[in-house]
Amino acid sequence: MSSLGVETWSVNARFRKPLGKRFSANWTVGVSRADFDAKGTFTINQIVSVNPIVTQPRSFVYEDPGSDTGFRYGIGVEWALNDRFAFDLGYQRHDTQVIDLETVLAKVIVAL
């Protein structure tokens, strides 16, 4: 049986530039850490012959890559509907040596 677990945390700084009364651009930079828990095998069918097509299963074992620290950065836009509600849309990238993760974020911000 195969399993993959990833636990991440990050510390970020967010910079915001107003582009009008209710619209702004923002940039995020920071440091992220990922702790991995991966073990198991995966199998693919390798083509051995083309005429006729003959396949052969081939298994690969993967191991836990451990933990890694990398950078996190992103850009986005924010639109404030009023003083209490805003929408935030952005793109962020977590860049480590083990894995690179790209995310698109959509948030609703409510000020209490």
PDB file of N, CA and C in Angstrom:
ATOM      1  N   MET A   1       0.845  -1.187   0.000  1.00  0.00           N
ATOM      2  CA  MET A   1       0.000   0.000   0.000  1.00  0.00           C
ATOM      3  C   MET A   1       0.883   1.241   0.000  1.00  0.00           C
ATOM      4  N   SER A   2       0.481   2.228  -0.762  1.00  0.00           N
ATOM      5  CA  SER A   2       1.236   3.473  -0.878  1.00  0.00           C
ATOM      6  C   SER A   2       0.567   4.573  -0.075  1.00  0.00           C
ATOM      7  N   SER A   3       1.383   5.492   0.404  1.00  0.00           N
ATOM      8  CA  SER A   3       0.824   6.643   1.122  1.00  0.00           C
ATOM      9  C   SER A   3       1.712   7.859   0.886  1.00  0.00           C
ATOM     10  N   LEU A   4       1.069   9.007   0.908  1.00  0.00           N
ATOM     11  CA  LEU A   4       1.779  10.269   0.761  1.00  0.00           C
ATOM     12  C   LEU A   4       1.151  11.281   1.701  1.00  0.00           C
ATOM     13  N   GLY A   5       1.954  11.836   2.569  1.00  0.00           N
ATOM     14  CA  GLY A   5       1.502  12.878   3.487  1.00  0.00           C
ATOM     15  C   GLY A   5       2.432  14.072   3.391  1.00  0.00           C
ATOM     16  N   VAL A   6       1.871  15.253   3.345  1.00  0.00           N
ATOM     17  CA  VAL A   6       2.658  16.480   3.282  1.00  0.00           C
ATOM     18  C   VAL A   6       2.093  17.454   4.305  1.00  0.00           C
ATOM     19  N   GLU A   7       2.959  17.951   5.156  1.00  0.00           N
ATOM     20  CA  GLU A   7       2.567  18.969   6.137  1.00  0.00           C
ATOM     21  C   GLU A   7       3.452  20.181   5.899  1.00  0.00           C
ATOM     22  N   THR A   8       2.834  21.341   5.712  1.00  0.00           N
ATOM     23  CA  THR A   8       3.605  22.545   5.406  1.00  0.00           C
ATOM     24  C   THR A   8       3.258  23.679   6.351  1.00  0.00           C
ATOM     25  N   TRP A   9       4.163  24.590   6.505  1.00  0.00           N
ATOM     26  CA  TRP A   9       3.922  25.849   7.193  1.00  0.00           C
ATOM     27  C   TRP A   9       4.796  26.901   6.516  1.00  0.00           C
ATOM     28  N   SER A  10       4.426  28.156   6.692  1.00  0.00           N
ATOM     29  CA  SER A  10       5.201  29.232   6.083  1.00  0.00           C
ATOM     30  C   SER A  10       5.060  30.515   6.885  1.00  0.00           C
ATOM     31  N   VAL A  11       6.044  31.366   6.728  1.00  0.00           N
ATOM     32  CA  VAL A  11       6.047  32.711   7.311  1.00  0.00           C
ATOM     33  C   VAL A  11       6.160  33.665   6.129  1.00  0.00           C
ATOM     34  N   ASN A  12       5.203  34.592   6.023  1.00  0.00           N
ATOM     35  CA  ASN A  12       5.116  35.447   4.841  1.00  0.00           C
ATOM     36  C   ASN A  12       5.046  36.921   5.211  1.00  0.00           C
ATOM     37  N   ALA A  13       5.428  37.732   4.254  1.00  0.00           N
ATOM     38  CA  ALA A  13       5.198  39.177   4.313  1.00  0.00           C
ATOM     39  C   ALA A  13       4.347  39.528   3.097  1.00  0.00           C
ATOM     40  N   ARG A  14       3.330  40.341   3.316  1.00  0.00           N
ATOM     41  CA  ARG A  14       2.442  40.734   2.219  1.00  0.00           C
ATOM     42  C   ARG A  14       2.531  42.239   2.029  1.00  0.00           C
ATOM     43  N   PHE A  15       2.777  42.644   0.795  1.00  0.00           N
ATOM     44  CA  PHE A  15       2.860  44.055   0.435  1.00  0.00           C
ATOM     45  C   PHE A  15       1.669  44.387  -0.443  1.00  0.00           C
ATOM     46  N   ARG A  16       1.067  45.541  -0.163  1.00  0.00           N
ATOM     47  CA  ARG A  16      -0.167  45.922  -0.843  1.00  0.00           C
ATOM     48  C   ARG A  16      -0.013  47.321  -1.424  1.00  0.00           C
ATOM     49  N   LYS A  17      -0.415  47.493  -2.700  1.00  0.00           N
ATOM     50  CA  LYS A  17      -0.347  48.781  -3.377  1.00  0.00           C
ATOM     51  C   LYS A  17      -1.736  49.144  -3.866  1.00  0.00           C
ATOM     52  N   PRO A  18      -2.362  50.179  -3.286  1.00  0.00           N
ATOM     53  CA  PRO A  18      -3.675  50.607  -3.764  1.00  0.00           C
ATOM     54  C   PRO A  18      -3.596  51.108  -5.208  1.00  0.00           C
ATOM     55  N   LEU A  19      -4.572  50.690  -6.008  1.00  0.00           N
ATOM     56  CA  LEU A  19      -4.640  51.107  -7.406  1.00  0.00           C
ATOM     57  C   LEU A  19      -5.913  51.896  -7.697  1.00  0.00           C
ATOM     58  N   GLY A  20      -6.562  52.310  -6.670  1.00  0.00           N
ATOM     59  CA  GLY A  20      -7.811  53.046  -6.793  1.00  0.00           C
ATOM     60  C   GLY A  20      -8.508  53.036  -5.441  1.00  0.00           C
ATOM     61  N   LYS A  21      -9.771  53.472  -5.447  1.00  0.00           N
ATOM     62  CA  LYS A  21     -10.503  53.558  -4.188  1.00  0.00           C
ATOM     63  C   LYS A  21     -10.739  52.178  -3.563  1.00  0.00           C
ATOM     64  N   ARG A  22     -11.071  51.167  -4.351  1.00  0.00           N
ATOM     65  CA  ARG A  22     -11.397  49.844  -3.810  1.00  0.00           C
ATOM     66  C   ARG A  22     -10.583  48.707  -4.408  1.00  0.00           C
ATOM     67  N   PHE A  23      -9.605  49.007  -5.243  1.00  0.00           N
ATOM     68  CA  PHE A  23      -8.837  47.977  -5.934  1.00  0.00           C
ATOM     69  C   PHE A  23      -7.366  48.101  -5.548  1.00  0.00           C
ATOM     70  N   SER A  24      -6.689  46.957  -5.349  1.00  0.00           N
ATOM     71  CA  SER A  24      -5.271  46.991  -5.002  1.00  0.00           C
ATOM     72  C   SER A  24      -4.566  45.743  -5.535  1.00  0.00           C
ATOM     73  N   ALA A  25      -3.261  45.876  -5.714  1.00  0.00           N
ATOM     74  CA  ALA A  25      -2.399  44.750  -6.090  1.00  0.00           C
ATOM     75  C   ALA A  25      -1.610  44.346  -4.848  1.00  0.00           C
ATOM     76  N   ASN A  26      -1.276  43.059  -4.742  1.00  0.00           N
ATOM     77  CA  ASN A  26      -0.486  42.622  -3.597  1.00  0.00           C
ATOM     78  C   ASN A  26       0.569  41.608  -4.014  1.00  0.00           C
ATOM     79  N   TRP A  27       1.645  41.572  -3.237  1.00  0.00           N
ATOM     80  CA  TRP A  27       2.767  40.669  -3.445  1.00  0.00           C
ATOM     81  C   TRP A  27       3.045  39.963  -2.132  1.00  0.00           C
ATOM     82  N   THR A  28       3.369  38.682  -2.214  1.00  0.00           N
ATOM     83  CA  THR A  28       3.671  37.882  -1.036  1.00  0.00           C
ATOM     84  C   THR A  28       5.039  37.239  -1.209  1.00  0.00           C
ATOM     85  N   VAL A  29       5.886  37.338  -0.185  1.00  0.00           N
ATOM     86  CA  VAL A  29       7.169  36.629  -0.165  1.00  0.00           C
ATOM     87  C   VAL A  29       7.323  35.995   1.209  1.00  0.00           C
ATOM     88  N   GLY A  30       8.012  34.878   1.254  1.00  0.00           N
ATOM     89  CA  GLY A  30       8.202  34.230   2.537  1.00  0.00           C
ATOM     90  C   GLY A  30       9.037  32.970   2.444  1.00  0.00           C
ATOM     91  N   VAL A  31       9.114  32.283   3.564  1.00  0.00           N
ATOM     92  CA  VAL A  31       9.847  31.028   3.691  1.00  0.00           C
ATOM     93  C   VAL A  31       8.833  29.951   4.030  1.00  0.00           C
ATOM     94  N   SER A  32       8.930  28.794   3.352  1.00  0.00           N
ATOM     95  CA  SER A  32       8.017  27.700   3.667  1.00  0.00           C
ATOM     96  C   SER A  32       8.812  26.445   3.978  1.00  0.00           C
ATOM     97  N   ARG A  33       8.225  25.580   4.786  1.00  0.00           N
ATOM     98  CA  ARG A  33       8.838  24.309   5.176  1.00  0.00           C
ATOM     99  C   ARG A  33       7.837  23.204   4.916  1.00  0.00           C
ATOM    100  N   ALA A  34       8.306  22.127   4.320  1.00  0.00           N
ATOM    101  CA  ALA A  34       7.447  20.983   4.030  1.00  0.00           C
ATOM    102  C   ALA A  34       8.043  19.738   4.676  1.00  0.00           C
ATOM    103  N   ASP A  35       7.214  19.011   5.412  1.00  0.00           N
ATOM    104  CA  ASP A  35       7.587  17.730   6.008  1.00  0.00           C
ATOM    105  C   ASP A  35       6.818  16.645   5.266  1.00  0.00           C
ATOM    106  N   PHE A  36       7.536  15.694   4.706  1.00  0.00           N
ATOM    107  CA  PHE A  36       6.937  14.656   3.879  1.00  0.00           C
ATOM    108  C   PHE A  36       6.924  13.313   4.595  1.00  0.00           C
ATOM    109  N   ASP A  37       5.870  12.555   4.352  1.00  0.00           N
ATOM    110  CA  ASP A  37       5.763  11.181   4.824  1.00  0.00           C
ATOM    111  C   ASP A  37       5.261  10.361   3.639  1.00  0.00           C
ATOM    112  N   ALA A  38       6.197   9.756   2.911  1.00  0.00           N
ATOM    113  CA  ALA A  38       5.835   9.028   1.690  1.00  0.00           C
ATOM    114  C   ALA A  38       6.490   7.658   1.703  1.00  0.00           C
ATOM    115  N   LYS A  39       5.701   6.657   1.331  1.00  0.00           N
ATOM    116  CA  LYS A  39       6.253   5.312   1.207  1.00  0.00           C
ATOM    117  C   LYS A  39       5.351   4.481   0.313  1.00  0.00           C
ATOM    118  N   GLY A  40       5.955   3.518  -0.371  1.00  0.00           N
ATOM    119  CA  GLY A  40       5.167   2.633  -1.212  1.00  0.00           C
ATOM    120  C   GLY A  40       5.811   2.379  -2.555  1.00  0.00           C
ATOM    121  N   THR A  41       5.014   1.857  -3.478  1.00  0.00           N
ATOM    122  CA  THR A  41       5.460   1.562  -4.833  1.00  0.00           C
ATOM    123  C   THR A  41       4.390   2.021  -5.823  1.00  0.00           C
ATOM    124  N   PHE A  42       4.806   2.238  -7.046  1.00  0.00           N
ATOM    125  CA  PHE A  42       3.840   2.454  -8.114  1.00  0.00           C
ATOM    126  C   PHE A  42       4.278   1.622  -9.313  1.00  0.00           C
ATOM    127  N   THR A  43       3.317   1.198 -10.097  1.00  0.00           N
ATOM    128  CA  THR A  43       3.573   0.299 -11.210  1.00  0.00           C
ATOM    129  C   THR A  43       3.103   0.940 -12.516  1.00  0.00           C
ATOM    130  N   ILE A  44       3.930   0.795 -13.541  1.00  0.00           N
ATOM    131  CA  ILE A  44       3.562   1.256 -14.884  1.00  0.00           C
ATOM    132  C   ILE A  44       3.680   0.075 -15.838  1.00  0.00           C
ATOM    133  N   ASN A  45       3.024   0.166 -16.979  1.00  0.00           N
ATOM    134  CA  ASN A  45       3.172  -0.839 -18.027  1.00  0.00           C
ATOM    135  C   ASN A  45       4.185  -0.334 -19.034  1.00  0.00           C
ATOM    136  N   GLN A  46       5.314  -1.021 -19.112  1.00  0.00           N
ATOM    137  CA  GLN A  46       6.385  -0.664 -20.027  1.00  0.00           C
ATOM    138  C   GLN A  46       6.169  -1.405 -21.346  1.00  0.00           C
ATOM    139  N   ILE A  47       6.252  -0.690 -22.463  1.00  0.00           N
ATOM    140  CA  ILE A  47       6.095  -1.316 -23.777  1.00  0.00           C
ATOM    141  C   ILE A  47       7.406  -2.002 -24.135  1.00  0.00           C
ATOM    142  N   VAL A  48       7.330  -3.320 -24.356  1.00  0.00           N
ATOM    143  CA  VAL A  48       8.505  -4.116 -24.680  1.00  0.00           C
ATOM    144  C   VAL A  48       8.641  -4.283 -26.183  1.00  0.00           C
ATOM    145  N   SER A  49       7.522  -4.462 -26.878  1.00  0.00           N
ATOM    146  CA  SER A  49       7.526  -4.662 -28.317  1.00  0.00           C
ATOM    147  C   SER A  49       6.368  -3.875 -28.920  1.00  0.00           C
ATOM    148  N   VAL A  50       6.580  -3.351 -30.128  1.00  0.00           N
ATOM    149  CA  VAL A  50       5.551  -2.533 -30.753  1.00  0.00           C
ATOM    150  C   VAL A  50       4.684  -3.336 -31.723  1.00  0.00           C
ATOM    151  N   ASN A  51       5.257  -4.315 -32.414  1.00  0.00           N
ATOM    152  CA  ASN A  51       4.482  -5.075 -33.397  1.00  0.00           C
ATOM    153  C   ASN A  51       4.640  -6.556 -33.131  1.00  0.00           C
ATOM    154  N   PRO A  52       3.774  -7.215 -32.473  1.00  0.00           N
ATOM    155  CA  PRO A  52       2.565  -6.725 -31.801  1.00  0.00           C
ATOM    156  C   PRO A  52       2.930  -6.012 -30.498  1.00  0.00           C
ATOM    157  N   ILE A  53       2.010  -5.205 -29.985  1.00  0.00           N
ATOM    158  CA  ILE A  53       2.257  -4.468 -28.750  1.00  0.00           C
ATOM    159  C   ILE A  53       2.271  -5.446 -27.581  1.00  0.00           C
ATOM    160  N   VAL A  54       3.392  -5.447 -26.889  1.00  0.00           N
ATOM    161  CA  VAL A  54       3.564  -6.291 -25.701  1.00  0.00           C
ATOM    162  C   VAL A  54       3.991  -5.378 -24.565  1.00  0.00           C
ATOM    163  N   THR A  55       3.285  -5.455 -23.463  1.00  0.00           N
ATOM    164  CA  THR A  55       3.637  -4.646 -22.295  1.00  0.00           C
ATOM    165  C   THR A  55       4.079  -5.546 -21.159  1.00  0.00           C
ATOM    166  N   GLN A  56       4.855  -4.939 -20.281  1.00  0.00           N
ATOM    167  CA  GLN A  56       5.358  -5.659 -19.118  1.00  0.00           C
ATOM    168  C   GLN A  56       5.250  -4.718 -17.924  1.00  0.00           C
ATOM    169  N   PRO A  57       4.634  -5.167 -16.813  1.00  0.00           N
ATOM    170  CA  PRO A  57       4.546  -4.290 -15.650  1.00  0.00           C
ATOM    171  C   PRO A  57       5.925  -4.056 -15.027  1.00  0.00           C
ATOM    172  N   ARG A  58       6.145  -2.822 -14.621  1.00  0.00           N
ATOM    173  CA  ARG A  58       7.399  -2.469 -13.963  1.00  0.00           C
ATOM    174  C   ARG A  58       7.073  -1.649 -12.725  1.00  0.00           C
ATOM    175  N   SER A  59       7.604  -2.063 -11.575  1.00  0.00           N
ATOM    176  CA  SER A  59       7.321  -1.394 -10.304  1.00  0.00           C
ATOM    177  C   SER A  59       8.517  -0.566  -9.859  1.00  0.00           C
ATOM    178  N   PHE A  60       8.196   0.570  -9.253  1.00  0.00           N
ATOM    179  CA  PHE A  60       9.201   1.468  -8.705  1.00  0.00           C
ATOM    180  C   PHE A  60       8.884   1.712  -7.238  1.00  0.00           C
ATOM    181  N   VAL A  61       9.897   1.680  -6.419  1.00  0.00           N
ATOM    182  CA  VAL A  61       9.740   1.965  -4.994  1.00  0.00           C
ATOM    183  C   VAL A  61      10.136   3.418  -4.772  1.00  0.00           C
ATOM    184  N   TYR A  62       9.305   4.148  -4.049  1.00  0.00           N
ATOM    185  CA  TYR A  62       9.701   5.499  -3.686  1.00  0.00           C
ATOM    186  C   TYR A  62       9.823   5.591  -2.178  1.00  0.00           C
ATOM    187  N   GLU A  63      10.722   6.452  -1.755  1.00  0.00           N
ATOM    188  CA  GLU A  63      11.023   6.585  -0.338  1.00  0.00           C
ATOM    189  C   GLU A  63      10.709   7.995   0.141  1.00  0.00           C
ATOM    190  N   ASP A  64      10.666   8.139   1.422  1.00  0.00           N
ATOM    191  CA  ASP A  64      10.385   9.413   2.064  1.00  0.00           C
ATOM    192  C   ASP A  64      11.512  10.398   1.761  1.00  0.00           C
ATOM    193  N   PRO A  65      11.213  11.543   1.123  1.00  0.00           N
ATOM    194  CA  PRO A  65      12.269  12.509   0.831  1.00  0.00           C
ATOM    195  C   PRO A  65      12.689  13.334   2.043  1.00  0.00           C
ATOM    196  N   GLY A  66      11.997  13.180   3.176  1.00  0.00           N
ATOM    197  CA  GLY A  66      12.341  13.937   4.375  1.00  0.00           C
ATOM    198  C   GLY A  66      11.656  15.290   4.410  1.00  0.00           C
ATOM    199  N   SER A  67      12.403  16.283   4.838  1.00  0.00           N
ATOM    200  CA  SER A  67      11.862  17.634   4.959  1.00  0.00           C
ATOM    201  C   SER A  67      12.708  18.592   4.131  1.00  0.00           C
ATOM    202  N   ASP A  68      12.103  19.701   3.772  1.00  0.00           N
ATOM    203  CA  ASP A  68      12.832  20.680   2.980  1.00  0.00           C
ATOM    204  C   ASP A  68      12.282  22.071   3.250  1.00  0.00           C
ATOM    205  N   THR A  69      13.165  23.043   3.191  1.00  0.00           N
ATOM    206  CA  THR A  69      12.795  24.446   3.359  1.00  0.00           C
ATOM    207  C   THR A  69      13.008  25.164   2.034  1.00  0.00           C
ATOM    208  N   GLY A  70      12.085  26.027   1.689  1.00  0.00           N
ATOM    209  CA  GLY A  70      12.200  26.756   0.431  1.00  0.00           C
ATOM    210  C   GLY A  70      11.538  28.111   0.528  1.00  0.00           C
ATOM    211  N   PHE A  71      11.277  28.704  -0.612  1.00  0.00           N
ATOM    212  CA  PHE A  71      10.697  30.028  -0.680  1.00  0.00           C
ATOM    213  C   PHE A  71       9.249  29.956  -1.145  1.00  0.00           C
ATOM    214  N   ARG A  72       8.507  30.968  -0.774  1.00  0.00           N
ATOM    215  CA  ARG A  72       7.123  31.109  -1.200  1.00  0.00           C
ATOM    216  C   ARG A  72       6.960  32.528  -1.710  1.00  0.00           C
ATOM    217  N   TYR A  73       6.360  32.661  -2.872  1.00  0.00           N
ATOM    218  CA  TYR A  73       6.133  33.996  -3.419  1.00  0.00           C
ATOM    219  C   TYR A  73       4.847  33.985  -4.232  1.00  0.00           C
ATOM    220  N   GLY A  74       4.259  35.164  -4.404  1.00  0.00           N
ATOM    221  CA  GLY A  74       3.011  35.226  -5.141  1.00  0.00           C
ATOM    222  C   GLY A  74       2.603  36.644  -5.465  1.00  0.00           C
ATOM    223  N   ILE A  75       1.588  36.742  -6.328  1.00  0.00           N
ATOM    224  CA  ILE A  75       1.003  38.024  -6.708  1.00  0.00           C
ATOM    225  C   ILE A  75      -0.513  37.875  -6.674  1.00  0.00           C
ATOM    226  N   GLY A  76      -1.199  38.986  -6.556  1.00  0.00           N
ATOM    227  CA  GLY A  76      -2.652  38.922  -6.539  1.00  0.00           C
ATOM    228  C   GLY A  76      -3.293  40.289  -6.629  1.00  0.00           C
ATOM    229  N   VAL A  77      -4.608  40.276  -6.651  1.00  0.00           N
ATOM    230  CA  VAL A  77      -5.397  41.506  -6.668  1.00  0.00           C
ATOM    231  C   VAL A  77      -6.491  41.397  -5.609  1.00  0.00           C
ATOM    232  N   GLU A  78      -6.884  42.531  -5.095  1.00  0.00           N
ATOM    233  CA  GLU A  78      -7.945  42.587  -4.088  1.00  0.00           C
ATOM    234  C   GLU A  78      -8.947  43.660  -4.485  1.00  0.00           C
ATOM    235  N   TRP A  79     -10.233  43.311  -4.335  1.00  0.00           N
ATOM    236  CA  TRP A  79     -11.305  44.243  -4.634  1.00  0.00           C
ATOM    237  C   TRP A  79     -12.174  44.358  -3.396  1.00  0.00           C
ATOM    238  N   ALA A  80     -12.218  45.539  -2.805  1.00  0.00           N
ATOM    239  CA  ALA A  80     -13.009  45.789  -1.604  1.00  0.00           C
ATOM    240  C   ALA A  80     -14.406  46.226  -2.001  1.00  0.00           C
ATOM    241  N   LEU A  81     -15.404  45.444  -1.583  1.00  0.00           N
ATOM    242  CA  LEU A  81     -16.795  45.824  -1.862  1.00  0.00           C
ATOM    243  C   LEU A  81     -17.224  47.001  -0.989  1.00  0.00           C
ATOM    244  N   ASN A  82     -16.799  46.951   0.268  1.00  0.00           N
ATOM    245  CA  ASN A  82     -17.068  48.029   1.230  1.00  0.00           C
ATOM    246  C   ASN A  82     -16.022  47.912   2.334  1.00  0.00           C
ATOM    247  N   ASP A  83     -16.268  48.545   3.482  1.00  0.00           N
ATOM    248  CA  ASP A  83     -15.284  48.512   4.566  1.00  0.00           C
ATOM    249  C   ASP A  83     -15.176  47.148   5.247  1.00  0.00           C
ATOM    250  N   ARG A  84     -16.154  46.261   5.054  1.00  0.00           N
ATOM    251  CA  ARG A  84     -16.161  44.967   5.745  1.00  0.00           C
ATOM    252  C   ARG A  84     -15.878  43.766   4.859  1.00  0.00           C
ATOM    253  N   PHE A  85     -16.162  43.841   3.560  1.00  0.00           N
ATOM    254  CA  PHE A  85     -16.040  42.684   2.665  1.00  0.00           C
ATOM    255  C   PHE A  85     -15.098  42.982   1.500  1.00  0.00           C
ATOM    256  N   ALA A  86     -14.274  41.981   1.170  1.00  0.00           N
ATOM    257  CA  ALA A  86     -13.362  42.104   0.025  1.00  0.00           C
ATOM    258  C   ALA A  86     -13.147  40.730  -0.604  1.00  0.00           C
ATOM    259  N   PHE A  87     -12.821  40.739  -1.878  1.00  0.00           N
ATOM    260  CA  PHE A  87     -12.441  39.523  -2.606  1.00  0.00           C
ATOM    261  C   PHE A  87     -10.959  39.604  -2.923  1.00  0.00           C
ATOM    262  N   ASP A  88     -10.280  38.478  -2.794  1.00  0.00           N
ATOM    263  CA  ASP A  88      -8.841  38.413  -3.057  1.00  0.00           C
ATOM    264  C   ASP A  88      -8.589  37.250  -4.013  1.00  0.00           C
ATOM    265  N   LEU A  89      -7.902  37.507  -5.115  1.00  0.00           N
ATOM    266  CA  LEU A  89      -7.568  36.482  -6.087  1.00  0.00           C
ATOM    267  C   LEU A  89      -6.065  36.549  -6.313  1.00  0.00           C
ATOM    268  N   GLY A  90      -5.392  35.394  -6.221  1.00  0.00           N
ATOM    269  CA  GLY A  90      -3.945  35.427  -6.355  1.00  0.00           C
ATOM    270  C   GLY A  90      -3.339  34.114  -6.820  1.00  0.00           C
ATOM    271  N   TYR A  91      -2.063  34.183  -7.134  1.00  0.00           N
ATOM    272  CA  TYR A  91      -1.263  33.031  -7.548  1.00  0.00           C
ATOM    273  C   TYR A  91      -0.067  32.960  -6.608  1.00  0.00           C
ATOM    274  N   GLN A  92       0.222  31.770  -6.082  1.00  0.00           N
ATOM    275  CA  GLN A  92       1.384  31.598  -5.212  1.00  0.00           C
ATOM    276  C   GLN A  92       2.158  30.357  -5.622  1.00  0.00           C
ATOM    277  N   ARG A  93       3.450  30.400  -5.366  1.00  0.00           N
ATOM    278  CA  ARG A  93       4.329  29.264  -5.678  1.00  0.00           C
ATOM    279  C   ARG A  93       5.186  28.966  -4.461  1.00  0.00           C
ATOM    280  N   HIS A  94       5.162  27.693  -4.032  1.00  0.00           N
ATOM    281  CA  HIS A  94       6.042  27.187  -2.980  1.00  0.00           C
ATOM    282  C   HIS A  94       7.173  26.470  -3.701  1.00  0.00           C
ATOM    283  N   ASP A  95       8.387  26.903  -3.508  1.00  0.00           N
ATOM    284  CA  ASP A  95       9.521  26.380  -4.261  1.00  0.00           C
ATOM    285  C   ASP A  95      10.516  25.724  -3.303  1.00  0.00           C
ATOM    286  N   THR A  96      10.536  24.391  -3.274  1.00  0.00           N
ATOM    287  CA  THR A  96      11.515  23.650  -2.479  1.00  0.00           C
ATOM    288  C   THR A  96      12.256  22.700  -3.413  1.00  0.00           C
ATOM    289  N   GLN A  97      13.295  22.067  -2.936  1.00  0.00           N
ATOM    290  CA  GLN A  97      14.051  21.139  -3.767  1.00  0.00           C
ATOM    291  C   GLN A  97      13.298  19.835  -3.987  1.00  0.00           C
ATOM    292  N   VAL A  98      12.433  19.460  -3.058  1.00  0.00           N
ATOM    293  CA  VAL A  98      11.704  18.194  -3.162  1.00  0.00           C
ATOM    294  C   VAL A  98      10.489  18.325  -4.067  1.00  0.00           C
ATOM    295  N   ILE A  99       9.726  19.407  -3.912  1.00  0.00           N
ATOM    296  CA  ILE A  99       8.496  19.573  -4.670  1.00  0.00           C
ATOM    297  C   ILE A  99       8.231  21.065  -4.896  1.00  0.00           C
ATOM    298  N   ASP A 100       7.691  21.379  -6.049  1.00  0.00           N
ATOM    299  CA  ASP A 100       7.248  22.746  -6.348  1.00  0.00           C
ATOM    300  C   ASP A 100       5.735  22.716  -6.429  1.00  0.00           C
ATOM    301  N   LEU A 101       5.105  23.626  -5.729  1.00  0.00           N
ATOM    302  CA  LEU A 101       3.648  23.651  -5.662  1.00  0.00           C
ATOM    303  C   LEU A 101       3.156  25.016  -6.110  1.00  0.00           C
ATOM    304  N   GLU A 102       2.268  25.033  -7.101  1.00  0.00           N
ATOM    305  CA  GLU A 102       1.658  26.268  -7.576  1.00  0.00           C
ATOM    306  C   GLU A 102       0.188  26.259  -7.190  1.00  0.00           C
ATOM    307  N   THR A 103      -0.299  27.370  -6.651  1.00  0.00           N
ATOM    308  CA  THR A 103      -1.692  27.448  -6.229  1.00  0.00           C
ATOM    309  C   THR A 103      -2.333  28.722  -6.752  1.00  0.00           C
ATOM    310  N   VAL A 104      -3.613  28.624  -7.032  1.00  0.00           N
ATOM    311  CA  VAL A 104      -4.437  29.789  -7.341  1.00  0.00           C
ATOM    312  C   VAL A 104      -5.404  29.934  -6.179  1.00  0.00           C
ATOM    313  N   LEU A 105      -5.419  31.106  -5.570  1.00  0.00           N
ATOM    314  CA  LEU A 105      -6.213  31.351  -4.375  1.00  0.00           C
ATOM    315  C   LEU A 105      -7.370  32.284  -4.686  1.00  0.00           C
ATOM    316  N   ALA A 106      -8.511  31.983  -4.126  1.00  0.00           N
ATOM    317  CA  ALA A 106      -9.665  32.877  -4.183  1.00  0.00           C
ATOM    318  C   ALA A 106     -10.196  32.979  -2.769  1.00  0.00           C
ATOM    319  N   LYS A 107     -10.220  34.180  -2.210  1.00  0.00           N
ATOM    320  CA  LYS A 107     -10.626  34.369  -0.816  1.00  0.00           C
ATOM    321  C   LYS A 107     -11.692  35.450  -0.703  1.00  0.00           C
ATOM    322  N   VAL A 108     -12.545  35.270   0.281  1.00  0.00           N
ATOM    323  CA  VAL A 108     -13.474  36.306   0.705  1.00  0.00           C
ATOM    324  C   VAL A 108     -12.985  36.786   2.059  1.00  0.00           C
ATOM    325  N   ILE A 109     -12.755  38.084   2.191  1.00  0.00           N
ATOM    326  CA  ILE A 109     -12.225  38.663   3.424  1.00  0.00           C
ATOM    327  C   ILE A 109     -13.366  39.391   4.121  1.00  0.00           C
ATOM    328  N   VAL A 110     -13.573  39.056   5.397  1.00  0.00           N
ATOM    329  CA  VAL A 110     -14.610  39.691   6.209  1.00  0.00           C
ATOM    330  C   VAL A 110     -13.942  40.338   7.407  1.00  0.00           C
ATOM    331  N   ALA A 111     -14.111  41.629   7.578  1.00  0.00           N
ATOM    332  CA  ALA A 111     -13.597  42.351   8.735  1.00  0.00           C
ATOM    333  C   ALA A 111     -14.674  42.375   9.813  1.00  0.00           C
ATOM    334  N   LEU A 112     -14.315  41.943  10.991  1.00  0.00           N
ATOM    335  CA  LEU A 112     -15.300  41.895  12.097  1.00  0.00           C
ATOM    336  C   LEU A 112     -15.301  43.156  12.915  1.00  0.00           C
TER     337      LEU A 112
END
